[in-house]
Amino acid sequence: MTITDILGYALVSILLAGFGWALIDLLVRIAKQPKRESNGDILPLLPYPFLPPRENENRPGLKRAGRLALQPVRVKNRSTGK
Protein backbone atom coordinates (compact mmCIF):
# COMPACT_ATOMS: atom_id res chain seq x y z
CA MET A 1 0.00 0.00 0.00
CA THR A 2 1.56 3.25 -1.13
CA ILE A 3 1.07 6.79 0.08
CA THR A 4 -1.25 7.54 -2.84
CA ASP A 5 -3.56 4.70 -1.80
CA ILE A 6 -3.67 6.02 1.75
CA LEU A 7 -4.37 9.56 0.56
CA GLY A 8 -7.08 8.26 -1.79
CA TYR A 9 -8.79 6.30 0.98
CA ALA A 10 -8.55 9.31 3.30
CA LEU A 11 -10.07 11.62 0.68
CA VAL A 12 -12.93 9.22 -0.05
CA SER A 13 -13.63 8.73 3.65
CA ILE A 14 -13.70 12.51 4.22
CA LEU A 15 -16.06 13.01 1.27
CA LEU A 16 -18.39 10.22 2.44
CA ALA A 17 -18.39 11.57 5.98
CA GLY A 18 -19.25 15.06 4.68
CA PHE A 19 -22.07 13.65 2.57
CA GLY A 20 -23.44 11.69 5.54
CA TRP A 21 -23.23 14.77 7.78
CA ALA A 22 -25.04 16.91 5.19
CA LEU A 23 -27.74 14.28 4.76
CA ILE A 24 -28.32 14.01 8.51
CA ASP A 25 -28.35 17.83 8.82
CA LEU A 26 -30.93 18.07 6.01
CA LEU A 27 -33.17 15.49 7.66
CA VAL A 28 -32.93 17.27 11.02
CA ARG A 29 -33.83 20.62 9.44
CA ILE A 30 -36.82 19.07 7.67
CA ALA A 31 -37.99 17.48 10.92
CA LYS A 32 -37.70 20.82 12.79
CA GLN A 33 -39.85 22.76 10.31
CA PRO A 34 -43.33 23.62 11.56
CA LYS A 35 -46.01 21.40 10.13
CA ARG A 36 -48.60 23.19 8.03
CA GLU A 37 -52.22 22.45 8.47
CA SER A 38 -54.02 21.18 5.41
CA ASN A 39 -57.13 23.33 5.16
CA GLY A 40 -57.74 22.55 1.54
CA ASP A 41 -55.09 25.04 0.44
CA ILE A 42 -54.20 22.87 -2.55
CA LEU A 43 -57.73 22.77 -3.97
CA PRO A 44 -57.59 26.23 -5.65
CA LEU A 45 -54.36 25.18 -7.41
CA LEU A 46 -55.89 22.19 -9.15
CA PRO A 47 -56.88 22.55 -12.84
CA TYR A 48 -60.49 21.45 -12.17
CA PRO A 49 -62.43 22.86 -9.25
CA PHE A 50 -63.85 20.42 -6.75
CA LEU A 51 -67.40 21.30 -5.86
CA PRO A 52 -68.86 20.14 -2.56
CA PRO A 53 -71.67 17.57 -2.81
CA ARG A 54 -74.30 20.14 -1.71
CA GLU A 55 -73.76 22.12 -4.91
CA ASN A 56 -73.82 18.98 -7.03
CA GLU A 57 -77.19 17.73 -5.78
CA ASN A 58 -79.20 20.13 -7.93
CA ARG A 59 -77.24 19.46 -11.12
CA PRO A 60 -78.68 16.93 -13.56
CA GLY A 61 -76.57 13.89 -14.36
CA LEU A 62 -74.60 13.92 -11.10
CA LYS A 63 -75.92 11.18 -8.88
CA ARG A 64 -72.89 10.65 -6.64
CA ALA A 65 -74.08 12.06 -3.35
CA GLY A 66 -71.38 12.60 -0.76
CA ARG A 67 -68.45 12.72 -3.20
CA LEU A 68 -66.58 15.52 -4.88
CA ALA A 69 -66.98 15.73 -8.64
CA LEU A 70 -64.80 17.26 -11.34
CA GLN A 71 -66.47 20.04 -13.30
CA PRO A 72 -65.23 21.47 -16.62
CA VAL A 73 -64.07 25.07 -16.60
CA ARG A 74 -64.12 27.47 -19.53
CA VAL A 75 -60.68 28.88 -20.22
CA LYS A 76 -59.90 31.81 -22.49
CA ASN A 77 -57.62 31.07 -25.41
CA ARG A 78 -54.61 33.39 -25.26
CA SER A 79 -54.32 33.82 -29.00
CA THR A 80 -58.01 34.45 -29.87
CA GLY A 81 -59.28 35.80 -26.55
CA LYS A 82 -62.37 33.58 -26.65
C-alpha atoms as a PDB file:
ATOM      1  CA  MET A   1       0.000   0.000   0.000  1.00  0.00           C
ATOM      2  CA  THR A   2       1.561   3.246  -1.127  1.00  0.00           C
ATOM      3  CA  ILE A   3       1.072   6.786   0.079  1.00  0.00           C
ATOM      4  CA  THR A   4      -1.252   7.543  -2.842  1.00  0.00           C
ATOM      5  CA  ASP A   5      -3.558   4.698  -1.802  1.00  0.00           C
ATOM      6  CA  ILE A   6      -3.669   6.019   1.755  1.00  0.00           C
ATOM      7  CA  LEU A   7      -4.366   9.562   0.558  1.00  0.00           C
ATOM      8  CA  GLY A   8      -7.077   8.259  -1.792  1.00  0.00           C
ATOM      9  CA  TYR A   9      -8.794   6.298   0.984  1.00  0.00           C
ATOM     10  CA  ALA A  10      -8.547   9.311   3.297  1.00  0.00           C
ATOM     11  CA  LEU A  11     -10.066  11.618   0.684  1.00  0.00           C
ATOM     12  CA  VAL A  12     -12.928   9.217  -0.051  1.00  0.00           C
ATOM     13  CA  SER A  13     -13.632   8.727   3.649  1.00  0.00           C
ATOM     14  CA  ILE A  14     -13.705  12.509   4.221  1.00  0.00           C
ATOM     15  CA  LEU A  15     -16.060  13.008   1.270  1.00  0.00           C
ATOM     16  CA  LEU A  16     -18.387  10.221   2.442  1.00  0.00           C
ATOM     17  CA  ALA A  17     -18.389  11.568   5.983  1.00  0.00           C
ATOM     18  CA  GLY A  18     -19.254  15.057   4.684  1.00  0.00           C
ATOM     19  CA  PHE A  19     -22.071  13.650   2.573  1.00  0.00           C
ATOM     20  CA  GLY A  20     -23.435  11.690   5.545  1.00  0.00           C
ATOM     21  CA  TRP A  21     -23.230  14.766   7.776  1.00  0.00           C
ATOM     22  CA  ALA A  22     -25.035  16.910   5.189  1.00  0.00           C
ATOM     23  CA  LEU A  23     -27.738  14.280   4.761  1.00  0.00           C
ATOM     24  CA  ILE A  24     -28.316  14.014   8.508  1.00  0.00           C
ATOM     25  CA  ASP A  25     -28.351  17.830   8.816  1.00  0.00           C
ATOM     26  CA  LEU A  26     -30.931  18.071   6.008  1.00  0.00           C
ATOM     27  CA  LEU A  27     -33.173  15.486   7.658  1.00  0.00           C
ATOM     28  CA  VAL A  28     -32.928  17.271  11.020  1.00  0.00           C
ATOM     29  CA  ARG A  29     -33.830  20.623   9.438  1.00  0.00           C
ATOM     30  CA  ILE A  30     -36.817  19.069   7.670  1.00  0.00           C
ATOM     31  CA  ALA A  31     -37.995  17.479  10.916  1.00  0.00           C
ATOM     32  CA  LYS A  32     -37.701  20.818  12.789  1.00  0.00           C
ATOM     33  CA  GLN A  33     -39.849  22.764  10.313  1.00  0.00           C
ATOM     34  CA  PRO A  34     -43.333  23.624  11.563  1.00  0.00           C
ATOM     35  CA  LYS A  35     -46.008  21.405  10.134  1.00  0.00           C
ATOM     36  CA  ARG A  36     -48.598  23.190   8.026  1.00  0.00           C
ATOM     37  CA  GLU A  37     -52.217  22.452   8.466  1.00  0.00           C
ATOM     38  CA  SER A  38     -54.018  21.178   5.406  1.00  0.00           C
ATOM     39  CA  ASN A  39     -57.126  23.328   5.161  1.00  0.00           C
ATOM     40  CA  GLY A  40     -57.737  22.547   1.538  1.00  0.00           C
ATOM     41  CA  ASP A  41     -55.094  25.040   0.440  1.00  0.00           C
ATOM     42  CA  ILE A  42     -54.199  22.873  -2.550  1.00  0.00           C
ATOM     43  CA  LEU A  43     -57.729  22.773  -3.968  1.00  0.00           C
ATOM     44  CA  PRO A  44     -57.588  26.226  -5.648  1.00  0.00           C
ATOM     45  CA  LEU A  45     -54.361  25.181  -7.409  1.00  0.00           C
ATOM     46  CA  LEU A  46     -55.894  22.186  -9.153  1.00  0.00           C
ATOM     47  CA  PRO A  47     -56.884  22.546 -12.839  1.00  0.00           C
ATOM     48  CA  TYR A  48     -60.493  21.450 -12.171  1.00  0.00           C
ATOM     49  CA  PRO A  49     -62.432  22.864  -9.246  1.00  0.00           C
ATOM     50  CA  PHE A  50     -63.852  20.417  -6.745  1.00  0.00           C
ATOM     51  CA  LEU A  51     -67.402  21.302  -5.858  1.00  0.00           C
ATOM     52  CA  PRO A  52     -68.864  20.144  -2.557  1.00  0.00           C
ATOM     53  CA  PRO A  53     -71.672  17.568  -2.808  1.00  0.00           C
ATOM     54  CA  ARG A  54     -74.301  20.135  -1.714  1.00  0.00           C
ATOM     55  CA  GLU A  55     -73.759  22.124  -4.908  1.00  0.00           C
ATOM     56  CA  ASN A  56     -73.819  18.979  -7.029  1.00  0.00           C
ATOM     57  CA  GLU A  57     -77.191  17.729  -5.781  1.00  0.00           C
ATOM     58  CA  ASN A  58     -79.204  20.135  -7.934  1.00  0.00           C
ATOM     59  CA  ARG A  59     -77.240  19.459 -11.124  1.00  0.00           C
ATOM     60  CA  PRO A  60     -78.681  16.928 -13.561  1.00  0.00           C
ATOM     61  CA  GLY A  61     -76.573  13.891 -14.359  1.00  0.00           C
ATOM     62  CA  LEU A  62     -74.602  13.924 -11.101  1.00  0.00           C
ATOM     63  CA  LYS A  63     -75.919  11.184  -8.879  1.00  0.00           C
ATOM     64  CA  ARG A  64     -72.891  10.652  -6.645  1.00  0.00           C
ATOM     65  CA  ALA A  65     -74.082  12.056  -3.349  1.00  0.00           C
ATOM     66  CA  GLY A  66     -71.383  12.599  -0.762  1.00  0.00           C
ATOM     67  CA  ARG A  67     -68.453  12.723  -3.200  1.00  0.00           C
ATOM     68  CA  LEU A  68     -66.578  15.517  -4.880  1.00  0.00           C
ATOM     69  CA  ALA A  69     -66.977  15.725  -8.644  1.00  0.00           C
ATOM     70  CA  LEU A  70     -64.805  17.265 -11.340  1.00  0.00           C
ATOM     71  CA  GLN A  71     -66.471  20.036 -13.304  1.00  0.00           C
ATOM     72  CA  PRO A  72     -65.230  21.474 -16.621  1.00  0.00           C
ATOM     73  CA  VAL A  73     -64.065  25.075 -16.602  1.00  0.00           C
ATOM     74  CA  ARG A  74     -64.117  27.469 -19.526  1.00  0.00           C
ATOM     75  CA  VAL A  75     -60.676  28.882 -20.225  1.00  0.00           C
ATOM     76  CA  LYS A  76     -59.901  31.814 -22.485  1.00  0.00           C
ATOM     77  CA  ASN A  77     -57.619  31.071 -25.415  1.00  0.00           C
ATOM     78  CA  ARG A  78     -54.613  33.391 -25.262  1.00  0.00           C
ATOM     79  CA  SER A  79     -54.316  33.822 -28.998  1.00  0.00           C
ATOM     80  CA  THR A  80     -58.009  34.453 -29.869  1.00  0.00           C
ATOM     81  CA  GLY A  81     -59.284  35.805 -26.551  1.00  0.00           C
ATOM     82  CA  LYS A  82     -62.366  33.580 -26.651  1.00  0.00           C
END
